[in-house]
Amino acid sequence: MKVSVDFDQCEANGICVGIAPDVFELDDEDMLHVAEGEVRADRVTQVEEAVAQCPKAALRLL
C-alpha cells in the first residue's frame, strides 16, 4: 500500500503529520512530503486514520 497526495487539494494542515509523523512531514515552506515506498505493515492503521482525518480529502491509499 502506498500513499498518494492531491497537492491541488492539500492545505498542509498537518493533521496527517500528527497522526503518522514517520510517514508524513511538513517542510519549512509547509509543503507535505510522504515517505517513499510501501507503507510499513505496522503503520497501516495510523496511515488509514490520517487519510480518514484529512479535512480536504487530499490523501489516498493505493
PDB file of N, CA and C in Angstrom:
ATOM      1  N   MET A   1       0.845  -1.160   0.000  1.00  0.00           N
ATOM      2  CA  MET A   1       0.000   0.000   0.000  1.00  0.00           C
ATOM      3  C   MET A   1       0.900   1.235   0.000  1.00  0.00           C
ATOM      4  N   LYS A   2       0.526   2.228  -0.811  1.00  0.00           N
ATOM      5  CA  LYS A   2       1.240   3.496  -0.886  1.00  0.00           C
ATOM      6  C   LYS A   2       0.263   4.635  -0.651  1.00  0.00           C
ATOM      7  N   VAL A   3       0.811   5.804  -0.302  1.00  0.00           N
ATOM      8  CA  VAL A   3       0.001   6.995  -0.076  1.00  0.00           C
ATOM      9  C   VAL A   3       0.179   7.932  -1.261  1.00  0.00           C
ATOM     10  N   SER A   4      -0.931   8.470  -1.737  1.00  0.00           N
ATOM     11  CA  SER A   4      -0.931   9.460  -2.811  1.00  0.00           C
ATOM     12  C   SER A   4      -1.499  10.759  -2.254  1.00  0.00           C
ATOM     13  N   VAL A   5      -0.917  11.886  -2.678  1.00  0.00           N
ATOM     14  CA  VAL A   5      -1.369  13.199  -2.224  1.00  0.00           C
ATOM     15  C   VAL A   5      -1.837  14.014  -3.423  1.00  0.00           C
ATOM     16  N   ASP A   6      -3.029  14.567  -3.334  1.00  0.00           N
ATOM     17  CA  ASP A   6      -3.519  15.522  -4.330  1.00  0.00           C
ATOM     18  C   ASP A   6      -3.093  16.903  -3.846  1.00  0.00           C
ATOM     19  N   PHE A   7      -1.979  17.397  -4.391  1.00  0.00           N
ATOM     20  CA  PHE A   7      -1.429  18.658  -3.923  1.00  0.00           C
ATOM     21  C   PHE A   7      -2.297  19.858  -4.290  1.00  0.00           C
ATOM     22  N   ASP A   8      -3.219  19.685  -5.227  1.00  0.00           N
ATOM     23  CA  ASP A   8      -4.169  20.758  -5.532  1.00  0.00           C
ATOM     24  C   ASP A   8      -5.182  20.925  -4.397  1.00  0.00           C
ATOM     25  N   GLN A   9      -5.435  19.851  -3.649  1.00  0.00           N
ATOM     26  CA  GLN A   9      -6.385  19.877  -2.539  1.00  0.00           C
ATOM     27  C   GLN A   9      -5.715  20.091  -1.183  1.00  0.00           C
ATOM     28  N   CYS A  10      -4.477  19.648  -1.046  1.00  0.00           N
ATOM     29  CA  CYS A  10      -3.783  19.682   0.245  1.00  0.00           C
ATOM     30  C   CYS A  10      -3.558  21.118   0.711  1.00  0.00           C
ATOM     31  N   GLU A  11      -3.961  21.396   1.957  1.00  0.00           N
ATOM     32  CA  GLU A  11      -3.751  22.706   2.568  1.00  0.00           C
ATOM     33  C   GLU A  11      -2.639  22.671   3.615  1.00  0.00           C
ATOM     34  N   ALA A  12      -1.951  21.555   3.717  1.00  0.00           N
ATOM     35  CA  ALA A  12      -0.850  21.388   4.666  1.00  0.00           C
ATOM     36  C   ALA A  12      -1.293  21.696   6.098  1.00  0.00           C
ATOM     37  N   ASN A  13      -2.456  21.182   6.478  1.00  0.00           N
ATOM     38  CA  ASN A  13      -2.961  21.363   7.836  1.00  0.00           C
ATOM     39  C   ASN A  13      -2.109  20.624   8.870  1.00  0.00           C
ATOM     40  N   GLY A  14      -1.453  19.571   8.441  1.00  0.00           N
ATOM     41  CA  GLY A  14      -0.565  18.832   9.329  1.00  0.00           C
ATOM     42  C   GLY A  14      -1.240  17.793  10.196  1.00  0.00           C
ATOM     43  N   ILE A  15      -2.510  17.553   9.995  1.00  0.00           N
ATOM     44  CA  ILE A  15      -3.197  16.529  10.780  1.00  0.00           C
ATOM     45  C   ILE A  15      -2.549  15.169  10.551  1.00  0.00           C
ATOM     46  N   CYS A  16      -2.214  14.880   9.314  1.00  0.00           N
ATOM     47  CA  CYS A  16      -1.575  13.607   8.981  1.00  0.00           C
ATOM     48  C   CYS A  16      -0.218  13.477   9.674  1.00  0.00           C
ATOM     49  N   VAL A  17       0.506  14.585   9.770  1.00  0.00           N
ATOM     50  CA  VAL A  17       1.815  14.586  10.430  1.00  0.00           C
ATOM     51  C   VAL A  17       1.648  14.238  11.907  1.00  0.00           C
ATOM     52  N   GLY A  18       0.621  14.765  12.525  1.00  0.00           N
ATOM     53  CA  GLY A  18       0.369  14.468  13.927  1.00  0.00           C
ATOM     54  C   GLY A  18       0.012  13.020  14.172  1.00  0.00           C
ATOM     55  N   ILE A  19      -0.624  12.395  13.208  1.00  0.00           N
ATOM     56  CA  ILE A  19      -1.060  11.004  13.356  1.00  0.00           C
ATOM     57  C   ILE A  19       0.056  10.025  13.005  1.00  0.00           C
ATOM     58  N   ALA A  20       0.780  10.310  11.940  1.00  0.00           N
ATOM     59  CA  ALA A  20       1.838   9.396  11.471  1.00  0.00           C
ATOM     60  C   ALA A  20       3.079  10.201  11.060  1.00  0.00           C
ATOM     61  N   PRO A  21       3.814  10.748  12.044  1.00  0.00           N
ATOM     62  CA  PRO A  21       4.938  11.623  11.725  1.00  0.00           C
ATOM     63  C   PRO A  21       6.108  10.947  11.027  1.00  0.00           C
ATOM     64  N   ASP A  22       6.178   9.621  11.084  1.00  0.00           N
ATOM     65  CA  ASP A  22       7.253   8.935  10.369  1.00  0.00           C
ATOM     66  C   ASP A  22       6.889   8.679   8.908  1.00  0.00           C
ATOM     67  N   VAL A  23       5.651   8.972   8.522  1.00  0.00           N
ATOM     68  CA  VAL A  23       5.195   8.799   7.140  1.00  0.00           C
ATOM     69  C   VAL A  23       4.993  10.143   6.459  1.00  0.00           C
ATOM     70  N   PHE A  24       4.468  11.123   7.210  1.00  0.00           N
ATOM     71  CA  PHE A  24       4.170  12.450   6.662  1.00  0.00           C
ATOM     72  C   PHE A  24       5.063  13.490   7.323  1.00  0.00           C
ATOM     73  N   GLU A  25       5.464  14.496   6.543  1.00  0.00           N
ATOM     74  CA  GLU A  25       6.304  15.562   7.082  1.00  0.00           C
ATOM     75  C   GLU A  25       5.978  16.870   6.366  1.00  0.00           C
ATOM     76  N   LEU A  26       5.933  17.954   7.111  1.00  0.00           N
ATOM     77  CA  LEU A  26       5.795  19.291   6.535  1.00  0.00           C
ATOM     78  C   LEU A  26       7.164  19.953   6.571  1.00  0.00           C
ATOM     79  N   ASP A  27       7.574  20.530   5.446  1.00  0.00           N
ATOM     80  CA  ASP A  27       8.856  21.228   5.433  1.00  0.00           C
ATOM     81  C   ASP A  27       8.675  22.673   5.887  1.00  0.00           C
ATOM     82  N   ASP A  28       9.739  23.454   5.850  1.00  0.00           N
ATOM     83  CA  ASP A  28       9.704  24.839   6.328  1.00  0.00           C
ATOM     84  C   ASP A  28       8.782  25.729   5.512  1.00  0.00           C
ATOM     85  N   GLU A  29       8.443  25.292   4.311  1.00  0.00           N
ATOM     86  CA  GLU A  29       7.543  26.059   3.434  1.00  0.00           C
ATOM     87  C   GLU A  29       6.139  25.481   3.423  1.00  0.00           C
ATOM     88  N   ASP A  30       5.843  24.639   4.410  1.00  0.00           N
ATOM     89  CA  ASP A  30       4.534  23.985   4.543  1.00  0.00           C
ATOM     90  C   ASP A  30       4.155  23.135   3.333  1.00  0.00           C
ATOM     91  N   MET A  31       5.130  22.486   2.748  1.00  0.00           N
ATOM     92  CA  MET A  31       4.871  21.504   1.694  1.00  0.00           C
ATOM     93  C   MET A  31       4.873  20.126   2.339  1.00  0.00           C
ATOM     94  N   LEU A  32       3.863  19.342   2.024  1.00  0.00           N
ATOM     95  CA  LEU A  32       3.760  18.000   2.581  1.00  0.00           C
ATOM     96  C   LEU A  32       4.657  17.045   1.811  1.00  0.00           C
ATOM     97  N   HIS A  33       5.373  16.213   2.545  1.00  0.00           N
ATOM     98  CA  HIS A  33       6.195  15.159   1.967  1.00  0.00           C
ATOM     99  C   HIS A  33       5.743  13.836   2.579  1.00  0.00           C
ATOM    100  N   VAL A  34       5.723  12.809   1.742  1.00  0.00           N
ATOM    101  CA  VAL A  34       5.306  11.481   2.176  1.00  0.00           C
ATOM    102  C   VAL A  34       6.485  10.541   2.008  1.00  0.00           C
ATOM    103  N   ALA A  35       6.726   9.693   2.995  1.00  0.00           N
ATOM    104  CA  ALA A  35       7.796   8.709   2.895  1.00  0.00           C
ATOM    105  C   ALA A  35       7.586   7.867   1.644  1.00  0.00           C
ATOM    106  N   GLU A  36       8.673   7.634   0.932  1.00  0.00           N
ATOM    107  CA  GLU A  36       8.581   6.864  -0.312  1.00  0.00           C
ATOM    108  C   GLU A  36       8.435   5.382  -0.029  1.00  0.00           C
ATOM    109  N   GLY A  37       7.901   4.697  -0.998  1.00  0.00           N
ATOM    110  CA  GLY A  37       7.762   3.257  -0.904  1.00  0.00           C
ATOM    111  C   GLY A  37       6.458   2.840  -0.250  1.00  0.00           C
ATOM    112  N   GLU A  38       6.407   1.576   0.039  1.00  0.00           N
ATOM    113  CA  GLU A  38       5.218   0.985   0.649  1.00  0.00           C
ATOM    114  C   GLU A  38       5.108   1.393   2.117  1.00  0.00           C
ATOM    115  N   VAL A  39       3.884   1.562   2.581  1.00  0.00           N
ATOM    116  CA  VAL A  39       3.640   1.827   3.994  1.00  0.00           C
ATOM    117  C   VAL A  39       3.958   0.554   4.766  1.00  0.00           C
ATOM    118  N   ARG A  40       4.768   0.684   5.810  1.00  0.00           N
ATOM    119  CA  ARG A  40       5.120  -0.484   6.620  1.00  0.00           C
ATOM    120  C   ARG A  40       3.866  -1.070   7.255  1.00  0.00           C
ATOM    121  N   ALA A  41       3.843  -2.359   7.386  1.00  0.00           N
ATOM    122  CA  ALA A  41       2.675  -3.068   7.924  1.00  0.00           C
ATOM    123  C   ALA A  41       2.288  -2.559   9.306  1.00  0.00           C
ATOM    124  N   ASP A  42       3.272  -2.196  10.125  1.00  0.00           N
ATOM    125  CA  ASP A  42       2.964  -1.739  11.478  1.00  0.00           C
ATOM    126  C   ASP A  42       2.468  -0.295  11.513  1.00  0.00           C
ATOM    127  N   ARG A  43       2.433   0.394  10.369  1.00  0.00           N
ATOM    128  CA  ARG A  43       1.970   1.779  10.292  1.00  0.00           C
ATOM    129  C   ARG A  43       0.668   1.921   9.520  1.00  0.00           C
ATOM    130  N   VAL A  44       0.133   0.833   8.986  1.00  0.00           N
ATOM    131  CA  VAL A  44      -1.062   0.892   8.149  1.00  0.00           C
ATOM    132  C   VAL A  44      -2.241   1.519   8.893  1.00  0.00           C
ATOM    133  N   THR A  45      -2.476   1.131  10.118  1.00  0.00           N
ATOM    134  CA  THR A  45      -3.609   1.658  10.884  1.00  0.00           C
ATOM    135  C   THR A  45      -3.507   3.170  11.035  1.00  0.00           C
ATOM    136  N   GLN A  46      -2.318   3.676  11.369  1.00  0.00           N
ATOM    137  CA  GLN A  46      -2.134   5.114  11.543  1.00  0.00           C
ATOM    138  C   GLN A  46      -2.292   5.853  10.219  1.00  0.00           C
ATOM    139  N   VAL A  47      -1.785   5.283   9.129  1.00  0.00           N
ATOM    140  CA  VAL A  47      -1.917   5.930   7.825  1.00  0.00           C
ATOM    141  C   VAL A  47      -3.377   5.946   7.382  1.00  0.00           C
ATOM    142  N   GLU A  48      -4.089   4.873   7.618  1.00  0.00           N
ATOM    143  CA  GLU A  48      -5.522   4.855   7.306  1.00  0.00           C
ATOM    144  C   GLU A  48      -6.252   5.936   8.088  1.00  0.00           C
ATOM    145  N   GLU A  49      -5.897   6.124   9.356  1.00  0.00           N
ATOM    146  CA  GLU A  49      -6.504   7.164  10.184  1.00  0.00           C
ATOM    147  C   GLU A  49      -6.166   8.548   9.637  1.00  0.00           C
ATOM    148  N   ALA A  50      -4.915   8.750   9.222  1.00  0.00           N
ATOM    149  CA  ALA A  50      -4.502  10.041   8.653  1.00  0.00           C
ATOM    150  C   ALA A  50      -5.292  10.349   7.386  1.00  0.00           C
ATOM    151  N   VAL A  51      -5.475   9.354   6.538  1.00  0.00           N
ATOM    152  CA  VAL A  51      -6.252   9.536   5.309  1.00  0.00           C
ATOM    153  C   VAL A  51      -7.696   9.895   5.659  1.00  0.00           C
ATOM    154  N   ALA A  52      -8.270   9.200   6.615  1.00  0.00           N
ATOM    155  CA  ALA A  52      -9.664   9.448   7.011  1.00  0.00           C
ATOM    156  C   ALA A  52      -9.844  10.829   7.640  1.00  0.00           C
ATOM    157  N   GLN A  53      -8.836  11.326   8.342  1.00  0.00           N
ATOM    158  CA  GLN A  53      -8.945  12.596   9.048  1.00  0.00           C
ATOM    159  C   GLN A  53      -8.569  13.808   8.199  1.00  0.00           C
ATOM    160  N   CYS A  54      -8.047  13.612   7.010  1.00  0.00           N
ATOM    161  CA  CYS A  54      -7.647  14.736   6.158  1.00  0.00           C
ATOM    162  C   CYS A  54      -8.871  15.602   5.846  1.00  0.00           C
ATOM    163  N   PRO A  55      -8.855  16.873   6.260  1.00  0.00           N
ATOM    164  CA  PRO A  55     -10.040  17.720   6.083  1.00  0.00           C
ATOM    165  C   PRO A  55     -10.345  18.061   4.624  1.00  0.00           C
ATOM    166  N   LYS A  56      -9.388  17.937   3.743  1.00  0.00           N
ATOM    167  CA  LYS A  56      -9.601  18.237   2.329  1.00  0.00           C
ATOM    168  C   LYS A  56      -9.669  16.977   1.475  1.00  0.00           C
ATOM    169  N   ALA A  57      -9.627  15.800   2.105  1.00  0.00           N
ATOM    170  CA  ALA A  57      -9.633  14.522   1.382  1.00  0.00           C
ATOM    171  C   ALA A  57      -8.554  14.489   0.311  1.00  0.00           C
ATOM    172  N   ALA A  58      -7.371  14.993   0.658  1.00  0.00           N
ATOM    173  CA  ALA A  58      -6.263  15.072  -0.296  1.00  0.00           C
ATOM    174  C   ALA A  58      -5.389  13.826  -0.283  1.00  0.00           C
ATOM    175  N   LEU A  59      -5.608  12.931   0.640  1.00  0.00           N
ATOM    176  CA  LEU A  59      -4.796  11.722   0.772  1.00  0.00           C
ATOM    177  C   LEU A  59      -5.586  10.504   0.308  1.00  0.00           C
ATOM    178  N   ARG A  60      -4.865   9.600  -0.351  1.00  0.00           N
ATOM    179  CA  ARG A  60      -5.485   8.347  -0.812  1.00  0.00           C
ATOM    180  C   ARG A  60      -4.496   7.217  -0.613  1.00  0.00           C
ATOM    181  N   LEU A  61      -5.031   6.051  -0.370  1.00  0.00           N
ATOM    182  CA  LEU A  61      -4.215   4.840  -0.309  1.00  0.00           C
ATOM    183  C   LEU A  61      -4.341   4.097  -1.630  1.00  0.00           C
ATOM    184  N   LEU A  62      -3.219   3.682  -2.148  1.00  0.00           N
ATOM    185  CA  LEU A  62      -3.203   2.952  -3.425  1.00  0.00           C
ATOM    186  C   LEU A  62      -2.775   1.524  -3.194  1.00  0.00           C
TER     187      LEU A  62
END
